[in-house]
PDB file of N, CA and C in Angstrom:
ATOM      1  N   MET A   1       5.788 -12.519  11.623  1.00  0.00           N
ATOM      2  CA  MET A   1       5.764 -11.307  11.469  1.00  0.00           C
ATOM      3  C   MET A   1       4.307 -10.908  10.772  1.00  0.00           C
ATOM      4  N   SER A   2       3.376 -10.063  11.082  1.00  0.00           N
ATOM      5  CA  SER A   2       2.423 -10.042  10.285  1.00  0.00           C
ATOM      6  C   SER A   2       2.999  -8.591   8.950  1.00  0.00           C
ATOM      7  N   GLU A   3       2.143  -8.716   7.912  1.00  0.00           N
ATOM      8  CA  GLU A   3       2.698  -8.048   7.015  1.00  0.00           C
ATOM      9  C   GLU A   3       2.103  -6.561   7.188  1.00  0.00           C
ATOM     10  N   ILE A   4       1.155  -6.510   8.139  1.00  0.00           N
ATOM     11  CA  ILE A   4       0.674  -5.215   8.281  1.00  0.00           C
ATOM     12  C   ILE A   4       1.483  -4.283   9.404  1.00  0.00           C
ATOM     13  N   SER A   5       1.977  -5.011  10.297  1.00  0.00           N
ATOM     14  CA  SER A   5       2.775  -4.383  11.508  1.00  0.00           C
ATOM     15  C   SER A   5       3.984  -4.330  10.864  1.00  0.00           C
ATOM     16  N   SER A   6       4.687  -4.551   9.352  1.00  0.00           N
ATOM     17  CA  SER A   6       5.838  -4.346   9.187  1.00  0.00           C
ATOM     18  C   SER A   6       5.622  -3.056   8.662  1.00  0.00           C
ATOM     19  N   CYS A   7       4.386  -2.436   8.521  1.00  0.00           N
ATOM     20  CA  CYS A   7       4.486  -1.056   7.772  1.00  0.00           C
ATOM     21  C   CYS A   7       4.396   0.078   9.018  1.00  0.00           C
ATOM     22  N   THR A   8       5.784   0.064   9.903  1.00  0.00           N
ATOM     23  CA  THR A   8       5.765   0.698  10.783  1.00  0.00           C
ATOM     24  C   THR A   8       6.303   2.124  10.522  1.00  0.00           C
ATOM     25  N   LEU A   9       6.829   2.278   9.541  1.00  0.00           N
ATOM     26  CA  LEU A   9       7.225   3.871   9.536  1.00  0.00           C
ATOM     27  C   LEU A   9       5.907   4.775   9.703  1.00  0.00           C
ATOM     28  N   ILE A  10       4.556   4.075   9.498  1.00  0.00           N
ATOM     29  CA  ILE A  10       3.337   5.443   9.554  1.00  0.00           C
ATOM     30  C   ILE A  10       2.646   5.243  10.842  1.00  0.00           C
ATOM     31  N   GLN A  11       3.069   3.912  11.477  1.00  0.00           N
ATOM     32  CA  GLN A  11       2.764   3.682  13.030  1.00  0.00           C
ATOM     33  C   GLN A  11       3.346   4.542  13.596  1.00  0.00           C
ATOM     34  N   ASP A  12       4.832   4.514  13.544  1.00  0.00           N
ATOM     35  CA  ASP A  12       5.792   5.379  14.736  1.00  0.00           C
ATOM     36  C   ASP A  12       6.079   6.555  14.072  1.00  0.00           C
ATOM     37  N   ASN A  13       5.648   7.388  12.894  1.00  0.00           N
ATOM     38  CA  ASN A  13       6.049   8.555  12.878  1.00  0.00           C
ATOM     39  C   ASN A  13       4.646   9.029  12.329  1.00  0.00           C
ATOM     40  N   PRO A  14       3.902   9.564  12.726  1.00  0.00           N
ATOM     41  CA  PRO A  14       2.840  10.278  11.954  1.00  0.00           C
ATOM     42  C   PRO A  14       3.107  11.693  11.843  1.00  0.00           C
ATOM     43  N   ASN A  15       2.431  11.842  10.580  1.00  0.00           N
ATOM     44  CA  ASN A  15       3.342  13.425   9.992  1.00  0.00           C
ATOM     45  C   ASN A  15       1.876  14.096   9.597  1.00  0.00           C
ATOM     46  N   ARG A  16       2.179  15.164   8.751  1.00  0.00           N
ATOM     47  CA  ARG A  16       0.984  15.689   8.075  1.00  0.00           C
ATOM     48  C   ARG A  16       1.070  14.739   6.527  1.00  0.00           C
ATOM     49  N   ARG A  17       2.339  14.679   6.133  1.00  0.00           N
ATOM     50  CA  ARG A  17       2.257  13.865   4.876  1.00  0.00           C
ATOM     51  C   ARG A  17       1.716  12.802   4.953  1.00  0.00           C
ATOM     52  N   VAL A  18       1.731  12.068   5.731  1.00  0.00           N
ATOM     53  CA  VAL A  18       0.800  10.480   6.666  1.00  0.00           C
ATOM     54  C   VAL A  18      -0.468  10.708   6.422  1.00  0.00           C
ATOM     55  N   GLU A  19      -1.254  11.815   7.116  1.00  0.00           N
ATOM     56  CA  GLU A  19      -2.248  12.296   7.222  1.00  0.00           C
ATOM     57  C   GLU A  19      -2.843  12.649   5.984  1.00  0.00           C
ATOM     58  N   ALA A  20      -2.351  13.272   5.240  1.00  0.00           N
ATOM     59  CA  ALA A  20      -2.950  13.686   3.835  1.00  0.00           C
ATOM     60  C   ALA A  20      -3.124  12.491   2.853  1.00  0.00           C
ATOM     61  N   TYR A  21      -2.113  11.268   2.869  1.00  0.00           N
ATOM     62  CA  TYR A  21      -2.356  10.420   1.956  1.00  0.00           C
ATOM     63  C   TYR A  21      -3.200   9.921   2.729  1.00  0.00           C
ATOM     64  N   LEU A  22      -3.126   9.484   3.988  1.00  0.00           N
ATOM     65  CA  LEU A  22      -4.604   8.571   4.304  1.00  0.00           C
ATOM     66  C   LEU A  22      -5.755   9.403   4.108  1.00  0.00           C
ATOM     67  N   SER A  23      -5.960  10.709   4.190  1.00  0.00           N
ATOM     68  CA  SER A  23      -7.351  11.200   3.735  1.00  0.00           C
ATOM     69  C   SER A  23      -7.430  11.409   2.599  1.00  0.00           C
ATOM     70  N   THR A  24      -6.478  11.174   1.216  1.00  0.00           N
ATOM     71  CA  THR A  24      -6.768  10.887  -0.001  1.00  0.00           C
ATOM     72  C   THR A  24      -7.037   9.686  -0.273  1.00  0.00           C
ATOM     73  N   PHE A  25      -6.720   8.692   0.714  1.00  0.00           N
ATOM     74  CA  PHE A  25      -7.337   7.356   0.326  1.00  0.00           C
ATOM     75  C   PHE A  25      -8.366   6.647   1.435  1.00  0.00           C
ATOM     76  N   LYS A  26      -8.964   7.736   1.973  1.00  0.00           N
ATOM     77  CA  LYS A  26     -10.114   7.319   3.006  1.00  0.00           C
ATOM     78  C   LYS A  26     -11.244   6.403   2.105  1.00  0.00           C
ATOM     79  N   THR A  27     -11.565   6.619   0.988  1.00  0.00           N
ATOM     80  CA  THR A  27     -12.709   5.794   0.426  1.00  0.00           C
ATOM     81  C   THR A  27     -12.225   4.543   0.008  1.00  0.00           C
ATOM     82  N   TYR A  28     -11.175   4.157   0.386  1.00  0.00           N
ATOM     83  CA  TYR A  28     -10.660   2.706  -0.334  1.00  0.00           C
ATOM     84  C   TYR A  28     -10.388   1.704   1.329  1.00  0.00           C
ATOM     85  N   PRO A  29     -10.546   0.986   1.227  1.00  0.00           N
ATOM     86  CA  PRO A  29     -10.537  -0.085   2.212  1.00  0.00           C
ATOM     87  C   PRO A  29      -9.635  -0.044   2.573  1.00  0.00           C
ATOM     88  N   ASP A  30      -9.640  -0.521   4.282  1.00  0.00           N
ATOM     89  CA  ASP A  30      -8.349  -0.860   4.695  1.00  0.00           C
ATOM     90  C   ASP A  30      -7.380  -1.823   3.867  1.00  0.00           C
ATOM     91  N   VAL A  31      -7.656  -2.770   3.292  1.00  0.00           N
ATOM     92  CA  VAL A  31      -6.883  -3.614   2.553  1.00  0.00           C
ATOM     93  C   VAL A  31      -7.639  -4.035   1.226  1.00  0.00           C
ATOM     94  N   VAL A  32      -6.480  -4.067   0.408  1.00  0.00           N
ATOM     95  CA  VAL A  32      -6.565  -3.514  -1.084  1.00  0.00           C
ATOM     96  C   VAL A  32      -6.349  -4.503  -2.177  1.00  0.00           C
ATOM     97  N   SER A  33      -6.888  -4.846  -3.181  1.00  0.00           N
ATOM     98  CA  SER A  33      -6.122  -5.808  -4.343  1.00  0.00           C
ATOM     99  C   SER A  33      -5.595  -4.960  -5.162  1.00  0.00           C
ATOM    100  N   VAL A  34      -4.867  -5.769  -6.187  1.00  0.00           N
ATOM    101  CA  VAL A  34      -3.983  -5.249  -7.035  1.00  0.00           C
ATOM    102  C   VAL A  34      -4.792  -4.173  -8.015  1.00  0.00           C
ATOM    103  N   GLN A  35      -5.977  -4.563  -8.109  1.00  0.00           N
ATOM    104  CA  GLN A  35      -6.655  -3.735  -9.525  1.00  0.00           C
ATOM    105  C   GLN A  35      -6.961  -2.402  -8.364  1.00  0.00           C
ATOM    106  N   THR A  36      -7.255  -2.353  -7.443  1.00  0.00           N
ATOM    107  CA  THR A  36      -7.425  -1.271  -6.484  1.00  0.00           C
ATOM    108  C   THR A  36      -6.245  -0.506  -6.298  1.00  0.00           C
ATOM    109  N   LEU A  37      -4.933  -1.393  -6.066  1.00  0.00           N
ATOM    110  CA  LEU A  37      -3.615  -0.558  -5.943  1.00  0.00           C
ATOM    111  C   LEU A  37      -3.627   0.258  -7.730  1.00  0.00           C
ATOM    112  N   GLN A  38      -3.719  -0.452  -8.540  1.00  0.00           N
ATOM    113  CA  GLN A  38      -3.886   0.282  -9.914  1.00  0.00           C
ATOM    114  C   GLN A  38      -4.707   1.702  -9.906  1.00  0.00           C
ATOM    115  N   GLU A  39      -5.577   1.659  -9.264  1.00  0.00           N
ATOM    116  CA  GLU A  39      -6.612   2.882  -9.246  1.00  0.00           C
ATOM    117  C   GLU A  39      -5.888   3.689  -8.467  1.00  0.00           C
ATOM    118  N   MET A  40      -5.211   3.230  -7.204  1.00  0.00           N
ATOM    119  CA  MET A  40      -5.000   4.341  -6.020  1.00  0.00           C
ATOM    120  C   MET A  40      -3.991   5.027  -6.829  1.00  0.00           C
ATOM    121  N   LEU A  41      -2.726   4.459  -7.302  1.00  0.00           N
ATOM    122  CA  LEU A  41      -1.361   4.846  -7.938  1.00  0.00           C
ATOM    123  C   LEU A  41      -1.741   5.250  -9.487  1.00  0.00           C
ATOM    124  N   GLY A  42      -2.642   5.011 -10.138  1.00  0.00           N
ATOM    125  CA  GLY A  42      -2.790   5.631 -11.333  1.00  0.00           C
ATOM    126  C   GLY A  42      -1.648   4.915 -12.499  1.00  0.00           C
ATOM    127  N   ILE A  43      -1.466   3.819 -11.940  1.00  0.00           N
ATOM    128  CA  ILE A  43      -0.680   3.246 -12.584  1.00  0.00           C
ATOM    129  C   ILE A  43      -1.321   1.797 -13.579  1.00  0.00           C
ATOM    130  N   CYS A  44      -0.628   0.921 -14.508  1.00  0.00           N
ATOM    131  CA  CYS A  44      -1.089   0.101 -15.025  1.00  0.00           C
ATOM    132  C   CYS A  44      -1.181  -1.118 -14.495  1.00  0.00           C
ATOM    133  N   ARG A  45      -1.494  -2.379 -14.854  1.00  0.00           N
ATOM    134  CA  ARG A  45      -1.736  -3.650 -14.245  1.00  0.00           C
ATOM    135  C   ARG A  45      -0.056  -4.345 -13.794  1.00  0.00           C
ATOM    136  N   LYS A  46       0.404  -3.947 -14.970  1.00  0.00           N
ATOM    137  CA  LYS A  46       2.215  -4.840 -14.894  1.00  0.00           C
ATOM    138  C   LYS A  46       2.847  -4.177 -14.009  1.00  0.00           C
ATOM    139  N   ASN A  47       2.879  -2.863 -13.677  1.00  0.00           N
ATOM    140  CA  ASN A  47       3.633  -2.193 -13.032  1.00  0.00           C
ATOM    141  C   ASN A  47       3.095  -2.166 -11.366  1.00  0.00           C
ATOM    142  N   ALA A  48       1.882  -2.510 -11.199  1.00  0.00           N
ATOM    143  CA  ALA A  48       1.003  -2.559  -9.902  1.00  0.00           C
ATOM    144  C   ALA A  48       1.486  -4.119  -9.429  1.00  0.00           C
ATOM    145  N   TYR A  49       1.520  -4.991 -10.264  1.00  0.00           N
ATOM    146  CA  TYR A  49       2.199  -6.503  -9.876  1.00  0.00           C
ATOM    147  C   TYR A  49       3.553  -6.470  -9.559  1.00  0.00           C
ATOM    148  N   GLN A  50       4.464  -5.448 -10.663  1.00  0.00           N
ATOM    149  CA  GLN A  50       5.968  -5.588 -10.404  1.00  0.00           C
ATOM    150  C   GLN A  50       6.112  -5.066  -8.870  1.00  0.00           C
ATOM    151  N   LEU A  51       5.329  -4.185  -8.353  1.00  0.00           N
ATOM    152  CA  LEU A  51       5.699  -3.610  -7.591  1.00  0.00           C
ATOM    153  C   LEU A  51       5.221  -4.498  -6.020  1.00  0.00           C
ATOM    154  N   VAL A  52       4.363  -5.550  -6.227  1.00  0.00           N
ATOM    155  CA  VAL A  52       3.683  -6.165  -5.291  1.00  0.00           C
ATOM    156  C   VAL A  52       5.048  -7.231  -5.303  1.00  0.00           C
ATOM    157  N   GLN A  53       5.332  -8.022  -6.532  1.00  0.00           N
ATOM    158  CA  GLN A  53       6.112  -8.747  -6.306  1.00  0.00           C
ATOM    159  C   GLN A  53       7.635  -8.726  -5.863  1.00  0.00           C
ATOM    160  N   GLN A  54       7.778  -7.670  -6.494  1.00  0.00           N
ATOM    161  CA  GLN A  54       9.406  -7.179  -5.931  1.00  0.00           C
ATOM    162  C   GLN A  54       9.534  -6.897  -4.662  1.00  0.00           C
ATOM    163  N   ASN A  55       8.052  -7.038  -3.753  1.00  0.00           N
ATOM    164  CA  ASN A  55       8.121  -6.501  -2.327  1.00  0.00           C
ATOM    165  C   ASN A  55       8.505  -4.888  -2.064  1.00  0.00           C
ATOM    166  N   LYS A  56       8.310  -4.114  -3.115  1.00  0.00           N
ATOM    167  CA  LYS A  56       8.298  -2.718  -3.099  1.00  0.00           C
ATOM    168  C   LYS A  56       7.256  -2.110  -2.305  1.00  0.00           C
ATOM    169  N   ILE A  57       5.954  -2.679  -2.428  1.00  0.00           N
ATOM    170  CA  ILE A  57       4.594  -2.426  -1.589  1.00  0.00           C
ATOM    171  C   ILE A  57       4.342  -4.102  -0.828  1.00  0.00           C
ATOM    172  N   ARG A  58       4.673  -3.985   0.254  1.00  0.00           N
ATOM    173  CA  ARG A  58       4.466  -5.158   0.864  1.00  0.00           C
ATOM    174  C   ARG A  58       2.782  -5.637   1.062  1.00  0.00           C
ATOM    175  N   SER A  59       2.792  -7.156   0.632  1.00  0.00           N
ATOM    176  CA  SER A  59       1.535  -7.724   0.772  1.00  0.00           C
ATOM    177  C   SER A  59       1.263  -9.091   1.369  1.00  0.00           C
ATOM    178  N   THR A  60       0.520  -9.693   1.079  1.00  0.00           N
ATOM    179  CA  THR A  60       0.294 -11.073   1.522  1.00  0.00           C
ATOM    180  C   THR A  60      -0.560 -11.730   0.664  1.00  0.00           C
ATOM    181  N   ARG A  61      -0.153 -12.497   0.181  1.00  0.00           N
ATOM    182  CA  ARG A  61      -0.821 -13.595  -1.092  1.00  0.00           C
ATOM    183  C   ARG A  61      -1.892 -14.401  -0.339  1.00  0.00           C
ATOM    184  N   VAL A  62      -3.156 -14.421  -0.694  1.00  0.00           N
ATOM    185  CA  VAL A  62      -4.411 -15.259  -0.404  1.00  0.00           C
ATOM    186  C   VAL A  62      -4.639 -15.756  -1.428  1.00  0.00           C
ATOM    187  N   GLY A  63      -4.104 -17.360  -1.550  1.00  0.00           N
ATOM    188  CA  GLY A  63      -4.595 -18.133  -2.564  1.00  0.00           C
ATOM    189  C   GLY A  63      -3.915 -17.635  -3.694  1.00  0.00           C
ATOM    190  N   ARG A  64      -4.673 -17.302  -4.986  1.00  0.00           N
ATOM    191  CA  ARG A  64      -4.239 -16.462  -5.895  1.00  0.00           C
ATOM    192  C   ARG A  64      -3.856 -15.403  -5.991  1.00  0.00           C
ATOM    193  N   ASN A  65      -4.740 -14.557  -5.223  1.00  0.00           N
ATOM    194  CA  ASN A  65      -4.563 -13.037  -4.933  1.00  0.00           C
ATOM    195  C   ASN A  65      -3.868 -12.306  -3.787  1.00  0.00           C
ATOM    196  N   TYR A  66      -3.099 -11.525  -4.169  1.00  0.00           N
ATOM    197  CA  TYR A  66      -2.684 -10.441  -3.479  1.00  0.00           C
ATOM    198  C   TYR A  66      -3.365  -9.449  -2.518  1.00  0.00           C
ATOM    199  N   LYS A  67      -3.373  -9.574  -1.172  1.00  0.00           N
ATOM    200  CA  LYS A  67      -4.030  -8.522  -0.238  1.00  0.00           C
ATOM    201  C   LYS A  67      -3.192  -7.326   0.319  1.00  0.00           C
ATOM    202  N   ILE A  68      -3.130  -6.137  -0.064  1.00  0.00           N
ATOM    203  CA  ILE A  68      -2.086  -5.191   0.137  1.00  0.00           C
ATOM    204  C   ILE A  68      -3.072  -4.067   1.335  1.00  0.00           C
ATOM    205  N   PRO A  69      -2.476  -4.279   2.540  1.00  0.00           N
ATOM    206  CA  PRO A  69      -2.703  -3.352   3.295  1.00  0.00           C
ATOM    207  C   PRO A  69      -2.661  -1.586   2.759  1.00  0.00           C
ATOM    208  N   LYS A  70      -3.770  -0.723   3.313  1.00  0.00           N
ATOM    209  CA  LYS A  70      -3.604   0.500   2.698  1.00  0.00           C
ATOM    210  C   LYS A  70      -2.622   1.143   3.115  1.00  0.00           C
ATOM    211  N   LEU A  71      -2.427   0.971   4.364  1.00  0.00           N
ATOM    212  CA  LEU A  71      -0.931   1.635   5.001  1.00  0.00           C
ATOM    213  C   LEU A  71       0.410   1.319   4.447  1.00  0.00           C
ATOM    214  N   CYS A  72       0.537   0.380   3.647  1.00  0.00           N
ATOM    215  CA  CYS A  72       1.693   0.003   3.176  1.00  0.00           C
ATOM    216  C   CYS A  72       2.070   0.718   1.575  1.00  0.00           C
ATOM    217  N   VAL A  73       0.707   0.708   1.137  1.00  0.00           N
ATOM    218  CA  VAL A  73       0.734   1.679   0.033  1.00  0.00           C
ATOM    219  C   VAL A  73       1.379   3.205   0.351  1.00  0.00           C
ATOM    220  N   VAL A  74       0.578   3.808   1.570  1.00  0.00           N
ATOM    221  CA  VAL A  74       1.150   5.152   1.958  1.00  0.00           C
ATOM    222  C   VAL A  74       2.444   4.995   2.246  1.00  0.00           C
ATOM    223  N   GLU A  75       3.274   4.017   3.241  1.00  0.00           N
ATOM    224  CA  GLU A  75       4.546   3.953   3.114  1.00  0.00           C
ATOM    225  C   GLU A  75       5.386   3.618   1.861  1.00  0.00           C
ATOM    226  N   TYR A  76       4.880   3.191   1.043  1.00  0.00           N
ATOM    227  CA  TYR A  76       5.464   3.232  -0.299  1.00  0.00           C
ATOM    228  C   TYR A  76       5.596   4.534  -0.851  1.00  0.00           C
ATOM    229  N   LEU A  77       4.817   5.383  -1.023  1.00  0.00           N
ATOM    230  CA  LEU A  77       4.542   6.643  -1.395  1.00  0.00           C
ATOM    231  C   LEU A  77       5.409   7.285  -0.545  1.00  0.00           C
ATOM    232  N   LEU A  78       5.127   7.531   0.614  1.00  0.00           N
ATOM    233  CA  LEU A  78       6.265   8.033   1.767  1.00  0.00           C
ATOM    234  C   LEU A  78       7.523   8.071   1.134  1.00  0.00           C
ATOM    235  N   GLY A  79       8.420   6.776   0.968  1.00  0.00           N
ATOM    236  CA  GLY A  79       9.525   6.559   0.484  1.00  0.00           C
ATOM    237  C   GLY A  79       9.963   6.905  -0.573  1.00  0.00           C
ATOM    238  N   GLN A  80       9.098   7.280  -1.650  1.00  0.00           N
ATOM    239  CA  GLN A  80       9.055   8.004  -2.940  1.00  0.00           C
ATOM    240  C   GLN A  80       9.475   9.486  -2.797  1.00  0.00           C
ATOM    241  N   VAL A  81       8.913   9.901  -1.832  1.00  0.00           N
ATOM    242  CA  VAL A  81       9.041  11.394  -2.154  1.00  0.00           C
ATOM    243  C   VAL A  81      10.576  11.797  -1.572  1.00  0.00           C
TER     244      VAL A  81
END
């Protein structure tokens, strides 16, 4: 199963909150790095890596780097509200 397809909350249940987050992050690419994740959430590097490593934000590892679908970041934020 693809990591992107596992972000089904957004795909199955679009609403105003999802649209608001997506419009907030529209300047970011569809797949982001941990450094970009830090900017998006306004958190430190350590916390960004913890979120990814604990699978709180779904990601895929490519070599030594994590690739995080923007939809999964929004899904994480929706789960926090």
